Amino acid sequence: MPLVPRWRYMTPEAKALTRKVGISAAVLVLGLVLLRSLLPWMILALIIWWVLSAIRR
């Protein structure tokens, strides 16, 4: 069973638009997952950088 039931009847422009929307959605979801997993490490690195810059003064 295809994900888009009428895929074979769609125009080439509609197929291209569907592909672009699907790829954009996948990139957005992947980006959110990566950001969510990397956010604590980014915050920790920022705190370490602030502490080191304060020590150097």
C-alpha atoms as a PDB file:
ATOM      1  CA  MET A   1       0.000   0.000   0.000  1.00  0.00           C
ATOM      2  CA  PRO A   2       1.598   3.291  -1.072  1.00  0.00           C
ATOM      3  CA  LEU A   3       1.944   6.192   1.335  1.00  0.00           C
ATOM      4  CA  VAL A   4       0.304   8.503  -1.197  1.00  0.00           C
ATOM      5  CA  PRO A   5      -2.632   6.531  -2.630  1.00  0.00           C
ATOM      6  CA  ARG A   6      -2.942   8.506  -5.871  1.00  0.00           C
ATOM      7  CA  TRP A   7       0.781   8.769  -6.633  1.00  0.00           C
ATOM      8  CA  ARG A   8       0.492   7.315 -10.132  1.00  0.00           C
ATOM      9  CA  TYR A   9      -2.221   9.832 -11.058  1.00  0.00           C
ATOM     10  CA  MET A  10      -0.412  12.888  -9.721  1.00  0.00           C
ATOM     11  CA  THR A  11       1.162  15.418 -12.051  1.00  0.00           C
ATOM     12  CA  PRO A  12       4.968  15.706 -12.070  1.00  0.00           C
ATOM     13  CA  GLU A  13       4.688  19.087 -10.333  1.00  0.00           C
ATOM     14  CA  ALA A  14       2.543  17.601  -7.572  1.00  0.00           C
ATOM     15  CA  LYS A  15       4.996  14.710  -7.153  1.00  0.00           C
ATOM     16  CA  ALA A  16       7.909  17.150  -6.897  1.00  0.00           C
ATOM     17  CA  LEU A  17       6.062  19.230  -4.320  1.00  0.00           C
ATOM     18  CA  THR A  18       5.186  16.127  -2.315  1.00  0.00           C
ATOM     19  CA  ARG A  19       8.822  15.011  -2.338  1.00  0.00           C
ATOM     20  CA  LYS A  20      10.035  18.460  -1.239  1.00  0.00           C
ATOM     21  CA  VAL A  21       7.528  18.597   1.621  1.00  0.00           C
ATOM     22  CA  GLY A  22       8.456  15.065   2.718  1.00  0.00           C
ATOM     23  CA  ILE A  23      12.187  15.793   2.657  1.00  0.00           C
ATOM     24  CA  SER A  24      11.690  19.091   4.494  1.00  0.00           C
ATOM     25  CA  ALA A  25       9.620  17.390   7.181  1.00  0.00           C
ATOM     26  CA  ALA A  26      12.232  14.647   7.611  1.00  0.00           C
ATOM     27  CA  VAL A  27      15.048  17.207   7.895  1.00  0.00           C
ATOM     28  CA  LEU A  28      13.045  19.214  10.417  1.00  0.00           C
ATOM     29  CA  VAL A  29      12.308  16.171  12.580  1.00  0.00           C
ATOM     30  CA  LEU A  30      15.935  15.018  12.383  1.00  0.00           C
ATOM     31  CA  GLY A  31      17.150  18.504  13.275  1.00  0.00           C
ATOM     32  CA  LEU A  32      14.848  18.681  16.279  1.00  0.00           C
ATOM     33  CA  VAL A  33      15.998  15.268  17.495  1.00  0.00           C
ATOM     34  CA  LEU A  34      19.659  16.222  17.114  1.00  0.00           C
ATOM     35  CA  LEU A  35      19.141  19.604  18.747  1.00  0.00           C
ATOM     36  CA  ARG A  36      17.293  18.002  21.638  1.00  0.00           C
ATOM     37  CA  SER A  37      20.102  15.518  22.232  1.00  0.00           C
ATOM     38  CA  LEU A  38      22.889  18.078  21.788  1.00  0.00           C
ATOM     39  CA  LEU A  39      21.305  20.923  23.761  1.00  0.00           C
ATOM     40  CA  PRO A  40      22.591  19.813  27.205  1.00  0.00           C
ATOM     41  CA  TRP A  41      26.135  19.498  25.805  1.00  0.00           C
ATOM     42  CA  MET A  42      25.897  22.935  24.205  1.00  0.00           C
ATOM     43  CA  ILE A  43      24.730  24.457  27.508  1.00  0.00           C
ATOM     44  CA  LEU A  44      27.546  22.700  29.381  1.00  0.00           C
ATOM     45  CA  ALA A  45      30.130  23.971  26.890  1.00  0.00           C
ATOM     46  CA  LEU A  46      28.761  27.512  27.233  1.00  0.00           C
ATOM     47  CA  ILE A  47      28.961  27.351  31.032  1.00  0.00           C
ATOM     48  CA  ILE A  48      32.544  26.045  30.880  1.00  0.00           C
ATOM     49  CA  TRP A  49      33.472  28.815  28.457  1.00  0.00           C
ATOM     50  CA  TRP A  50      31.949  31.446  30.789  1.00  0.00           C
ATOM     51  CA  VAL A  51      33.833  30.020  33.778  1.00  0.00           C
ATOM     52  CA  LEU A  52      37.138  29.892  31.916  1.00  0.00           C
ATOM     53  CA  SER A  53      36.731  33.439  30.599  1.00  0.00           C
ATOM     54  CA  ALA A  54      35.921  34.640  34.141  1.00  0.00           C
ATOM     55  CA  ILE A  55      39.014  32.893  35.536  1.00  0.00           C
ATOM     56  CA  ARG A  56      41.268  34.468  32.904  1.00  0.00           C
ATOM     57  CA  ARG A  57      40.215  37.979  33.915  1.00  0.00           C
END
